[in-house]
Amino acid sequence: MNYRQVILSFYLLLFAGLGVTGGYLFLDARAEYSRLEQVEESNKIRLVEVQEQLRSQEKALERLRTDPEYVEKVIRKRLGYAKPDEFIFRFEE
Protein backbone atom coordinates (compact mmCIF):
# COMPACT_ATOMS: atom_id res chain seq x y z
CA MET A 1 0.00 0.00 0.00
CA ASN A 2 1.32 3.36 -0.82
CA TYR A 3 0.96 6.53 1.17
CA ARG A 4 -1.94 7.83 -0.96
CA GLN A 5 -4.09 4.72 -0.35
CA VAL A 6 -3.46 4.93 3.41
CA ILE A 7 -4.63 8.54 3.49
CA LEU A 8 -7.65 7.71 1.34
CA SER A 9 -8.56 4.77 3.61
CA PHE A 10 -8.16 7.00 6.67
CA TYR A 11 -10.49 9.64 5.20
CA LEU A 12 -13.07 7.02 4.24
CA LEU A 13 -13.04 5.56 7.77
CA LEU A 14 -13.25 9.06 9.24
CA PHE A 15 -16.15 9.94 6.93
CA ALA A 16 -17.95 6.68 7.78
CA GLY A 17 -17.42 7.30 11.51
CA LEU A 18 -18.77 10.82 11.23
CA GLY A 19 -21.76 9.52 9.25
CA VAL A 20 -22.58 6.89 11.87
CA THR A 21 -22.15 9.40 14.70
CA GLY A 22 -24.29 11.95 12.87
CA GLY A 23 -26.98 9.35 12.23
CA TYR A 24 -27.02 8.36 15.90
CA LEU A 25 -27.27 11.98 17.01
CA PHE A 26 -30.06 12.60 14.49
CA LEU A 27 -32.06 9.61 15.76
CA ASP A 28 -31.53 10.70 19.35
CA ALA A 29 -32.68 14.25 18.52
CA ARG A 30 -35.69 12.87 16.64
CA ALA A 31 -36.70 10.76 19.66
CA GLU A 32 -36.37 13.79 21.94
CA TYR A 33 -38.45 15.86 19.51
CA SER A 34 -41.20 13.23 19.52
CA ARG A 35 -41.20 13.13 23.31
CA LEU A 36 -41.44 16.93 23.47
CA GLU A 37 -44.36 16.90 21.01
CA GLN A 38 -46.21 14.48 23.32
CA VAL A 39 -45.48 16.69 26.33
CA GLU A 40 -46.72 19.73 24.40
CA GLU A 41 -49.95 17.94 23.46
CA SER A 42 -50.63 16.90 27.06
CA ASN A 43 -49.87 20.44 28.23
CA LYS A 44 -52.34 21.86 25.70
CA ILE A 45 -55.03 19.52 27.01
CA ARG A 46 -54.25 20.49 30.60
CA LEU A 47 -54.30 24.18 29.64
CA VAL A 48 -57.81 23.86 28.23
CA GLU A 49 -58.97 22.10 31.42
CA VAL A 50 -57.40 24.72 33.68
CA GLN A 51 -58.84 27.58 31.60
CA GLU A 52 -62.31 26.05 31.95
CA GLN A 53 -61.79 25.73 35.70
CA LEU A 54 -60.68 29.38 35.83
CA ARG A 55 -63.81 30.51 33.97
CA SER A 56 -65.96 28.55 36.42
CA GLN A 57 -64.20 30.08 39.42
CA GLU A 58 -64.49 33.58 37.92
CA LYS A 59 -68.25 33.06 37.50
CA ALA A 60 -68.55 31.91 41.12
CA LEU A 61 -66.49 34.89 42.30
CA GLU A 62 -68.65 37.30 40.34
CA ARG A 63 -71.78 35.76 41.85
CA LEU A 64 -70.25 36.09 45.32
CA ARG A 65 -69.64 39.77 44.63
CA THR A 66 -73.09 40.56 43.23
CA ASP A 67 -75.66 37.95 44.35
CA PRO A 68 -76.54 38.06 48.08
CA GLU A 69 -78.75 34.96 47.81
CA TYR A 70 -75.84 32.97 46.39
CA VAL A 71 -73.58 34.23 49.19
CA GLU A 72 -76.13 33.09 51.76
CA LYS A 73 -76.43 29.70 50.08
CA VAL A 74 -72.66 29.20 50.07
CA ILE A 75 -72.31 30.27 53.70
CA ARG A 76 -75.09 27.91 54.78
CA LYS A 77 -73.70 24.99 52.78
CA ARG A 78 -69.99 25.29 53.54
CA LEU A 79 -70.01 26.71 57.05
CA GLY A 80 -73.23 25.17 58.31
CA TYR A 81 -74.73 28.49 59.40
CA ALA A 82 -78.41 28.88 60.14
CA LYS A 83 -80.76 31.71 60.93
CA PRO A 84 -81.70 32.19 64.59
CA ASP A 85 -85.05 30.38 64.23
CA GLU A 86 -83.70 27.45 62.17
CA PHE A 87 -82.31 24.05 63.14
CA ILE A 88 -79.65 22.11 61.28
CA PHE A 89 -79.84 18.36 61.21
CA ARG A 90 -76.69 16.49 60.20
CA PHE A 91 -76.81 12.91 59.10
CA GLU A 92 -73.88 10.58 58.66
CA GLU A 93 -73.58 9.22 55.17
PDB file of N, CA and C in Angstrom:
ATOM      1  N   MET A   1       0.845  -1.188   0.000  1.00  0.00           N
ATOM      2  CA  MET A   1       0.000   0.000   0.000  1.00  0.00           C
ATOM      3  C   MET A   1       0.881   1.239   0.000  1.00  0.00           C
ATOM      4  N   ASN A   2       0.527   2.128  -0.812  1.00  0.00           N
ATOM      5  CA  ASN A   2       1.316   3.356  -0.815  1.00  0.00           C
ATOM      6  C   ASN A   2       0.665   4.394   0.098  1.00  0.00           C
ATOM      7  N   TYR A   3       1.367   5.458   0.259  1.00  0.00           N
ATOM      8  CA  TYR A   3       0.962   6.534   1.168  1.00  0.00           C
ATOM      9  C   TYR A   3      -0.396   7.118   0.774  1.00  0.00           C
ATOM     10  N   ARG A   4      -0.687   7.252  -0.473  1.00  0.00           N
ATOM     11  CA  ARG A   4      -1.938   7.825  -0.963  1.00  0.00           C
ATOM     12  C   ARG A   4      -3.131   6.938  -0.595  1.00  0.00           C
ATOM     13  N   GLN A   5      -2.999   5.639  -0.702  1.00  0.00           N
ATOM     14  CA  GLN A   5      -4.086   4.719  -0.354  1.00  0.00           C
ATOM     15  C   GLN A   5      -4.350   4.718   1.150  1.00  0.00           C
ATOM     16  N   VAL A   6      -3.304   4.864   1.958  1.00  0.00           N
ATOM     17  CA  VAL A   6      -3.459   4.925   3.414  1.00  0.00           C
ATOM     18  C   VAL A   6      -4.254   6.176   3.781  1.00  0.00           C
ATOM     19  N   ILE A   7      -3.916   7.280   3.199  1.00  0.00           N
ATOM     20  CA  ILE A   7      -4.634   8.535   3.493  1.00  0.00           C
ATOM     21  C   ILE A   7      -6.083   8.435   3.020  1.00  0.00           C
ATOM     22  N   LEU A   8      -6.299   7.880   1.852  1.00  0.00           N
ATOM     23  CA  LEU A   8      -7.654   7.714   1.338  1.00  0.00           C
ATOM     24  C   LEU A   8      -8.468   6.784   2.244  1.00  0.00           C
ATOM     25  N   SER A   9      -7.876   5.702   2.690  1.00  0.00           N
ATOM     26  CA  SER A   9      -8.557   4.772   3.610  1.00  0.00           C
ATOM     27  C   SER A   9      -8.882   5.468   4.930  1.00  0.00           C
ATOM     28  N   PHE A  10      -7.930   6.261   5.434  1.00  0.00           N
ATOM     29  CA  PHE A  10      -8.161   6.998   6.675  1.00  0.00           C
ATOM     30  C   PHE A  10      -9.331   7.971   6.524  1.00  0.00           C
ATOM     31  N   TYR A  11      -9.390   8.699   5.430  1.00  0.00           N
ATOM     32  CA  TYR A  11     -10.490   9.642   5.205  1.00  0.00           C
ATOM     33  C   TYR A  11     -11.827   8.927   5.042  1.00  0.00           C
ATOM     34  N   LEU A  12     -11.825   7.785   4.383  1.00  0.00           N
ATOM     35  CA  LEU A  12     -13.069   7.019   4.239  1.00  0.00           C
ATOM     36  C   LEU A  12     -13.566   6.508   5.593  1.00  0.00           C
ATOM     37  N   LEU A  13     -12.646   6.007   6.424  1.00  0.00           N
ATOM     38  CA  LEU A  13     -13.037   5.565   7.775  1.00  0.00           C
ATOM     39  C   LEU A  13     -13.526   6.744   8.615  1.00  0.00           C
ATOM     40  N   LEU A  14     -12.841   7.862   8.500  1.00  0.00           N
ATOM     41  CA  LEU A  14     -13.248   9.061   9.237  1.00  0.00           C
ATOM     42  C   LEU A  14     -14.634   9.521   8.784  1.00  0.00           C
ATOM     43  N   PHE A  15     -14.843   9.544   7.466  1.00  0.00           N
ATOM     44  CA  PHE A  15     -16.147   9.945   6.928  1.00  0.00           C
ATOM     45  C   PHE A  15     -17.246   8.974   7.369  1.00  0.00           C
ATOM     46  N   ALA A  16     -16.965   7.684   7.341  1.00  0.00           N
ATOM     47  CA  ALA A  16     -17.947   6.677   7.778  1.00  0.00           C
ATOM     48  C   ALA A  16     -18.250   6.837   9.265  1.00  0.00           C
ATOM     49  N   GLY A  17     -17.223   7.087  10.067  1.00  0.00           N
ATOM     50  CA  GLY A  17     -17.420   7.297  11.512  1.00  0.00           C
ATOM     51  C   GLY A  17     -18.261   8.525  11.786  1.00  0.00           C
ATOM     52  N   LEU A  18     -17.978   9.597  11.068  1.00  0.00           N
ATOM     53  CA  LEU A  18     -18.770  10.817  11.231  1.00  0.00           C
ATOM     54  C   LEU A  18     -20.209  10.597  10.781  1.00  0.00           C
ATOM     55  N   GLY A  19     -20.404   9.820   9.721  1.00  0.00           N
ATOM     56  CA  GLY A  19     -21.759   9.522   9.250  1.00  0.00           C
ATOM     57  C   GLY A  19     -22.549   8.720  10.266  1.00  0.00           C
ATOM     58  N   VAL A  20     -21.902   7.706  10.849  1.00  0.00           N
ATOM     59  CA  VAL A  20     -22.578   6.886  11.869  1.00  0.00           C
ATOM     60  C   VAL A  20     -22.889   7.733  13.096  1.00  0.00           C
ATOM     61  N   THR A  21     -21.925   8.532  13.535  1.00  0.00           N
ATOM     62  CA  THR A  21     -22.150   9.398  14.702  1.00  0.00           C
ATOM     63  C   THR A  21     -23.257  10.408  14.418  1.00  0.00           C
ATOM     64  N   GLY A  22     -23.241  10.996  13.243  1.00  0.00           N
ATOM     65  CA  GLY A  22     -24.292  11.953  12.869  1.00  0.00           C
ATOM     66  C   GLY A  22     -25.658  11.290  12.813  1.00  0.00           C
ATOM     67  N   GLY A  23     -25.710  10.083  12.270  1.00  0.00           N
ATOM     68  CA  GLY A  23     -26.980   9.350  12.228  1.00  0.00           C
ATOM     69  C   GLY A  23     -27.508   9.043  13.617  1.00  0.00           C
ATOM     70  N   TYR A  24     -26.602   8.637  14.521  1.00  0.00           N
ATOM     71  CA  TYR A  24     -27.019   8.356  15.899  1.00  0.00           C
ATOM     72  C   TYR A  24     -27.545   9.617  16.564  1.00  0.00           C
ATOM     73  N   LEU A  25     -26.826  10.720  16.405  1.00  0.00           N
ATOM     74  CA  LEU A  25     -27.269  11.982  17.009  1.00  0.00           C
ATOM     75  C   LEU A  25     -28.602  12.441  16.425  1.00  0.00           C
ATOM     76  N   PHE A  26     -28.795  12.233  15.125  1.00  0.00           N
ATOM     77  CA  PHE A  26     -30.055  12.602  14.493  1.00  0.00           C
ATOM     78  C   PHE A  26     -31.213  11.769  15.065  1.00  0.00           C
ATOM     79  N   LEU A  27     -31.010  10.460  15.201  1.00  0.00           N
ATOM     80  CA  LEU A  27     -32.064   9.607  15.756  1.00  0.00           C
ATOM     81  C   LEU A  27     -32.371   9.969  17.196  1.00  0.00           C
ATOM     82  N   ASP A  28     -31.334  10.294  17.960  1.00  0.00           N
ATOM     83  CA  ASP A  28     -31.534  10.705  19.346  1.00  0.00           C
ATOM     84  C   ASP A  28     -32.316  12.019  19.411  1.00  0.00           C
ATOM     85  N   ALA A  29     -31.966  12.966  18.553  1.00  0.00           N
ATOM     86  CA  ALA A  29     -32.681  14.248  18.520  1.00  0.00           C
ATOM     87  C   ALA A  29     -34.123  14.052  18.070  1.00  0.00           C
ATOM     88  N   ARG A  30     -34.334  13.148  17.123  1.00  0.00           N
ATOM     89  CA  ARG A  30     -35.690  12.872  16.642  1.00  0.00           C
ATOM     90  C   ARG A  30     -36.548  12.269  17.750  1.00  0.00           C
ATOM     91  N   ALA A  31     -35.972  11.357  18.536  1.00  0.00           N
ATOM     92  CA  ALA A  31     -36.705  10.757  19.655  1.00  0.00           C
ATOM     93  C   ALA A  31     -37.048  11.826  20.703  1.00  0.00           C
ATOM     94  N   GLU A  32     -36.116  12.700  20.979  1.00  0.00           N
ATOM     95  CA  GLU A  32     -36.366  13.791  21.937  1.00  0.00           C
ATOM     96  C   GLU A  32     -37.458  14.724  21.415  1.00  0.00           C
ATOM     97  N   TYR A  33     -37.433  15.014  20.127  1.00  0.00           N
ATOM     98  CA  TYR A  33     -38.453  15.862  19.512  1.00  0.00           C
ATOM     99  C   TYR A  33     -39.834  15.220  19.627  1.00  0.00           C
ATOM    100  N   SER A  34     -39.919  13.931  19.396  1.00  0.00           N
ATOM    101  CA  SER A  34     -41.196  13.230  19.518  1.00  0.00           C
ATOM    102  C   SER A  34     -41.709  13.274  20.950  1.00  0.00           C
ATOM    103  N   ARG A  35     -40.795  13.079  21.899  1.00  0.00           N
ATOM    104  CA  ARG A  35     -41.196  13.132  23.313  1.00  0.00           C
ATOM    105  C   ARG A  35     -41.694  14.534  23.667  1.00  0.00           C
ATOM    106  N   LEU A  36     -41.024  15.559  23.183  1.00  0.00           N
ATOM    107  CA  LEU A  36     -41.445  16.929  23.474  1.00  0.00           C
ATOM    108  C   LEU A  36     -42.784  17.265  22.815  1.00  0.00           C
ATOM    109  N   GLU A  37     -43.047  16.698  21.646  1.00  0.00           N
ATOM    110  CA  GLU A  37     -44.355  16.897  21.013  1.00  0.00           C
ATOM    111  C   GLU A  37     -45.466  16.285  21.877  1.00  0.00           C
ATOM    112  N   GLN A  38     -45.214  15.111  22.451  1.00  0.00           N
ATOM    113  CA  GLN A  38     -46.206  14.481  23.319  1.00  0.00           C
ATOM    114  C   GLN A  38     -46.434  15.318  24.574  1.00  0.00           C
ATOM    115  N   VAL A  39     -45.356  15.838  25.141  1.00  0.00           N
ATOM    116  CA  VAL A  39     -45.480  16.688  26.329  1.00  0.00           C
ATOM    117  C   VAL A  39     -46.270  17.949  25.982  1.00  0.00           C
ATOM    118  N   GLU A  40     -45.997  18.531  24.822  1.00  0.00           N
ATOM    119  CA  GLU A  40     -46.723  19.729  24.400  1.00  0.00           C
ATOM    120  C   GLU A  40     -48.215  19.437  24.251  1.00  0.00           C
ATOM    121  N   GLU A  41     -48.544  18.307  23.658  1.00  0.00           N
ATOM    122  CA  GLU A  41     -49.947  17.943  23.464  1.00  0.00           C
ATOM    123  C   GLU A  41     -50.652  17.759  24.809  1.00  0.00           C
ATOM    124  N   SER A  42     -50.002  17.081  25.751  1.00  0.00           N
ATOM    125  CA  SER A  42     -50.629  16.899  27.062  1.00  0.00           C
ATOM    126  C   SER A  42     -50.746  18.231  27.797  1.00  0.00           C
ATOM    127  N   ASN A  43     -49.782  19.121  27.604  1.00  0.00           N
ATOM    128  CA  ASN A  43     -49.866  20.444  28.232  1.00  0.00           C
ATOM    129  C   ASN A  43     -50.990  21.283  27.637  1.00  0.00           C
ATOM    130  N   LYS A  44     -51.226  21.140  26.320  1.00  0.00           N
ATOM    131  CA  LYS A  44     -52.337  21.857  25.696  1.00  0.00           C
ATOM    132  C   LYS A  44     -53.670  21.381  26.262  1.00  0.00           C
ATOM    133  N   ILE A  45     -53.800  20.072  26.443  1.00  0.00           N
ATOM    134  CA  ILE A  45     -55.034  19.523  27.008  1.00  0.00           C
ATOM    135  C   ILE A  45     -55.228  20.028  28.433  1.00  0.00           C
ATOM    136  N   ARG A  46     -54.157  20.016  29.219  1.00  0.00           N
ATOM    137  CA  ARG A  46     -54.250  20.486  30.600  1.00  0.00           C
ATOM    138  C   ARG A  46     -54.574  21.987  30.639  1.00  0.00           C
ATOM    139  N   LEU A  47     -54.017  22.748  29.709  1.00  0.00           N
ATOM    140  CA  LEU A  47     -54.296  24.184  29.641  1.00  0.00           C
ATOM    141  C   LEU A  47     -55.775  24.440  29.403  1.00  0.00           C
ATOM    142  N   VAL A  48     -56.383  23.694  28.500  1.00  0.00           N
ATOM    143  CA  VAL A  48     -57.813  23.857  28.230  1.00  0.00           C
ATOM    144  C   VAL A  48     -58.622  23.540  29.491  1.00  0.00           C
ATOM    145  N   GLU A  49     -58.255  22.465  30.194  1.00  0.00           N
ATOM    146  CA  GLU A  49     -58.971  22.097  31.416  1.00  0.00           C
ATOM    147  C   GLU A  49     -58.840  23.181  32.480  1.00  0.00           C
ATOM    148  N   VAL A  50     -57.638  23.704  32.652  1.00  0.00           N
ATOM    149  CA  VAL A  50     -57.403  24.724  33.679  1.00  0.00           C
ATOM    150  C   VAL A  50     -58.100  26.032  33.309  1.00  0.00           C
ATOM    151  N   GLN A  51     -58.136  26.367  32.010  1.00  0.00           N
ATOM    152  CA  GLN A  51     -58.842  27.576  31.599  1.00  0.00           C
ATOM    153  C   GLN A  51     -60.338  27.451  31.878  1.00  0.00           C
ATOM    154  N   GLU A  52     -60.896  26.271  31.656  1.00  0.00           N
ATOM    155  CA  GLU A  52     -62.313  26.049  31.954  1.00  0.00           C
ATOM    156  C   GLU A  52     -62.563  26.166  33.459  1.00  0.00           C
ATOM    157  N   GLN A  53     -61.660  25.616  34.251  1.00  0.00           N
ATOM    158  CA  GLN A  53     -61.787  25.729  35.704  1.00  0.00           C
ATOM    159  C   GLN A  53     -61.702  27.194  36.130  1.00  0.00           C
ATOM    160  N   LEU A  54     -60.819  27.956  35.518  1.00  0.00           N
ATOM    161  CA  LEU A  54     -60.683  29.378  35.832  1.00  0.00           C
ATOM    162  C   LEU A  54     -61.961  30.130  35.492  1.00  0.00           C
ATOM    163  N   ARG A  55     -62.553  29.848  34.331  1.00  0.00           N
ATOM    164  CA  ARG A  55     -63.812  30.512  33.970  1.00  0.00           C
ATOM    165  C   ARG A  55     -64.903  30.189  34.993  1.00  0.00           C
ATOM    166  N   SER A  56     -64.959  28.945  35.429  1.00  0.00           N
ATOM    167  CA  SER A  56     -65.957  28.548  36.419  1.00  0.00           C
ATOM    168  C   SER A  56     -65.740  29.289  37.743  1.00  0.00           C
ATOM    169  N   GLN A  57     -64.495  29.379  38.165  1.00  0.00           N
ATOM    170  CA  GLN A  57     -64.203  30.083  39.418  1.00  0.00           C
ATOM    171  C   GLN A  57     -64.465  31.584  39.291  1.00  0.00           C
ATOM    172  N   GLU A  58     -64.201  32.154  38.125  1.00  0.00           N
ATOM    173  CA  GLU A  58     -64.488  33.578  37.925  1.00  0.00           C
ATOM    174  C   GLU A  58     -65.984  33.843  37.981  1.00  0.00           C
ATOM    175  N   LYS A  59     -66.788  32.921  37.430  1.00  0.00           N
ATOM    176  CA  LYS A  59     -68.251  33.065  37.503  1.00  0.00           C
ATOM    177  C   LYS A  59     -68.716  32.996  38.955  1.00  0.00           C
ATOM    178  N   ALA A  60     -68.172  32.038  39.714  1.00  0.00           N
ATOM    179  CA  ALA A  60     -68.547  31.911  41.122  1.00  0.00           C
ATOM    180  C   ALA A  60     -68.134  33.158  41.898  1.00  0.00           C
ATOM    181  N   LEU A  61     -66.956  33.679  41.621  1.00  0.00           N
ATOM    182  CA  LEU A  61     -66.494  34.891  42.299  1.00  0.00           C
ATOM    183  C   LEU A  61     -67.386  36.077  41.972  1.00  0.00           C
ATOM    184  N   GLU A  62     -67.765  36.208  40.727  1.00  0.00           N
ATOM    185  CA  GLU A  62     -68.653  37.305  40.342  1.00  0.00           C
ATOM    186  C   GLU A  62     -70.006  37.182  41.039  1.00  0.00           C
ATOM    187  N   ARG A  63     -70.505  35.955  41.139  1.00  0.00           N
ATOM    188  CA  ARG A  63     -71.778  35.758  41.851  1.00  0.00           C
ATOM    189  C   ARG A  63     -71.625  36.083  43.331  1.00  0.00           C
ATOM    190  N   LEU A  64     -70.479  35.750  43.913  1.00  0.00           N
ATOM    191  CA  LEU A  64     -70.248  36.086  45.318  1.00  0.00           C
ATOM    192  C   LEU A  64     -70.197  37.602  45.524  1.00  0.00           C
ATOM    193  N   ARG A  65     -69.718  38.312  44.528  1.00  0.00           N
ATOM    194  CA  ARG A  65     -69.641  39.770  44.632  1.00  0.00           C
ATOM    195  C   ARG A  65     -70.996  40.442  44.442  1.00  0.00           C
ATOM    196  N   THR A  66     -71.874  39.848  43.627  1.00  0.00           N
ATOM    197  CA  THR A  66     -73.085  40.558  43.226  1.00  0.00           C
ATOM    198  C   THR A  66     -74.395  39.916  43.681  1.00  0.00           C
ATOM    199  N   ASP A  67     -74.409  38.656  44.061  1.00  0.00           N
ATOM    200  CA  ASP A  67     -75.660  37.950  44.352  1.00  0.00           C
ATOM    201  C   ASP A  67     -75.725  37.574  45.832  1.00  0.00           C
ATOM    202  N   PRO A  68     -76.460  38.346  46.636  1.00  0.00           N
ATOM    203  CA  PRO A  68     -76.538  38.064  48.075  1.00  0.00           C
ATOM    204  C   PRO A  68     -77.177  36.696  48.383  1.00  0.00           C
ATOM    205  N   GLU A  69     -78.129  36.262  47.572  1.00  0.00           N
ATOM    206  CA  GLU A  69     -78.754  34.963  47.810  1.00  0.00           C
ATOM    207  C   GLU A  69     -77.733  33.836  47.614  1.00  0.00           C
ATOM    208  N   TYR A  70     -76.879  33.975  46.626  1.00  0.00           N
ATOM    209  CA  TYR A  70     -75.839  32.969  46.394  1.00  0.00           C
ATOM    210  C   TYR A  70     -74.844  32.954  47.552  1.00  0.00           C
ATOM    211  N   VAL A  71     -74.503  34.143  48.054  1.00  0.00           N
ATOM    212  CA  VAL A  71     -73.580  34.235  49.191  1.00  0.00           C
ATOM    213  C   VAL A  71     -74.182  33.509  50.392  1.00  0.00           C
ATOM    214  N   GLU A  72     -75.460  33.751  50.647  1.00  0.00           N
ATOM    215  CA  GLU A  72     -76.135  33.094  51.763  1.00  0.00           C
ATOM    216  C   GLU A  72     -76.137  31.572  51.580  1.00  0.00           C
ATOM    217  N   LYS A  73     -76.412  31.133  50.375  1.00  0.00           N
ATOM    218  CA  LYS A  73     -76.432  29.701  50.080  1.00  0.00           C
ATOM    219  C   LYS A  73     -75.069  29.063  50.341  1.00  0.00           C
ATOM    220  N   VAL A  74     -74.006  29.729  49.887  1.00  0.00           N
ATOM    221  CA  VAL A  74     -72.655  29.203  50.074  1.00  0.00           C
ATOM    222  C   VAL A  74     -72.294  29.163  51.551  1.00  0.00           C
ATOM    223  N   ILE A  75     -72.617  30.218  52.276  1.00  0.00           N
ATOM    224  CA  ILE A  75     -72.307  30.267  53.701  1.00  0.00           C
ATOM    225  C   ILE A  75     -73.049  29.157  54.442  1.00  0.00           C
ATOM    226  N   ARG A  76     -74.309  28.959  54.126  1.00  0.00           N
ATOM    227  CA  ARG A  76     -75.089  27.907  54.778  1.00  0.00           C
ATOM    228  C   ARG A  76     -74.524  26.521  54.459  1.00  0.00           C
ATOM    229  N   LYS A  77     -74.158  26.318  53.204  1.00  0.00           N
ATOM    230  CA  LYS A  77     -73.702  24.992  52.784  1.00  0.00           C
ATOM    231  C   LYS A  77     -72.309  24.666  53.330  1.00  0.00           C
ATOM    232  N   ARG A  78     -71.377  25.573  53.175  1.00  0.00           N
ATOM    233  CA  ARG A  78     -69.986  25.286  53.542  1.00  0.00           C
ATOM    234  C   ARG A  78     -69.705  25.447  55.029  1.00  0.00           C
ATOM    235  N   LEU A  79     -70.316  26.444  55.640  1.00  0.00           N
ATOM    236  CA  LEU A  79     -70.011  26.711  57.046  1.00  0.00           C
ATOM    237  C   LEU A  79     -71.069  26.177  58.001  1.00  0.00           C
ATOM    238  N   GLY A  80     -72.186  25.743  57.465  1.00  0.00           N
ATOM    239  CA  GLY A  80     -73.230  25.171  58.307  1.00  0.00           C
ATOM    240  C   GLY A  80     -73.973  26.213  59.127  1.00  0.00           C
ATOM    241  N   TYR A  81     -74.030  27.441  58.679  1.00  0.00           N
ATOM    242  CA  TYR A  81     -74.726  28.487  59.399  1.00  0.00           C
ATOM    243  C   TYR A  81     -76.241  28.342  59.223  1.00  0.00           C
ATOM    244  N   ALA A  82     -76.947  28.875  60.199  1.00  0.00           N
ATOM    245  CA  ALA A  82     -78.408  28.875  60.143  1.00  0.00           C
ATOM    246  C   ALA A  82     -78.907  30.191  60.721  1.00  0.00           C
ATOM    247  N   LYS A  83     -80.142  30.530  60.352  1.00  0.00           N
ATOM    248  CA  LYS A  83     -80.764  31.712  60.926  1.00  0.00           C
ATOM    249  C   LYS A  83     -81.148  31.394  62.366  1.00  0.00           C
ATOM    250  N   PRO A  84     -81.417  32.437  63.169  1.00  0.00           N
ATOM    251  CA  PRO A  84     -81.705  32.194  64.589  1.00  0.00           C
ATOM    252  C   PRO A  84     -82.894  31.249  64.835  1.00  0.00           C
ATOM    253  N   ASP A  85     -83.878  31.222  63.988  1.00  0.00           N
ATOM    254  CA  ASP A  85     -85.047  30.378  64.234  1.00  0.00           C
ATOM    255  C   ASP A  85     -84.994  29.056  63.461  1.00  0.00           C
ATOM    256  N   GLU A  86     -83.837  28.682  62.946  1.00  0.00           N
ATOM    257  CA  GLU A  86     -83.698  27.452  62.175  1.00  0.00           C
ATOM    258  C   GLU A  86     -82.863  26.423  62.927  1.00  0.00           C
ATOM    259  N   PHE A  87     -83.095  25.148  62.588  1.00  0.00           N
ATOM    260  CA  PHE A  87     -82.307  24.050  63.136  1.00  0.00           C
ATOM    261  C   PHE A  87     -81.601  23.341  61.996  1.00  0.00           C
ATOM    262  N   ILE A  88     -80.399  22.865  62.282  1.00  0.00           N
ATOM    263  CA  ILE A  88     -79.652  22.115  61.282  1.00  0.00           C
ATOM    264  C   ILE A  88     -79.531  20.680  61.764  1.00  0.00           C
ATOM    265  N   PHE A  89     -79.966  19.770  60.918  1.00  0.00           N
ATOM    266  CA  PHE A  89     -79.841  18.356  61.209  1.00  0.00           C
ATOM    267  C   PHE A  89     -78.731  17.788  60.328  1.00  0.00           C
ATOM    268  N   ARG A  90     -77.813  17.093  60.947  1.00  0.00           N
ATOM    269  CA  ARG A  90     -76.692  16.486  60.200  1.00  0.00           C
ATOM    270  C   ARG A  90     -76.803  14.984  60.305  1.00  0.00           C
ATOM    271  N   PHE A  91     -76.702  14.342  59.168  1.00  0.00           N
ATOM    272  CA  PHE A  91     -76.813  12.905  59.101  1.00  0.00           C
ATOM    273  C   PHE A  91     -75.509  12.329  58.577  1.00  0.00           C
ATOM    274  N   GLU A  92     -75.084  11.232  59.150  1.00  0.00           N
ATOM    275  CA  GLU A  92     -73.875  10.576  58.661  1.00  0.00           C
ATOM    276  C   GLU A  92     -74.222   9.824  57.377  1.00  0.00           C
ATOM    277  N   GLU A  93     -73.321   9.884  56.443  1.00  0.00           N
ATOM    278  CA  GLU A  93     -73.583   9.223  55.169  1.00  0.00           C
ATOM    279  C   GLU A  93     -72.900   7.890  55.119  1.00  0.00           C
TER     280      GLU A  93
END
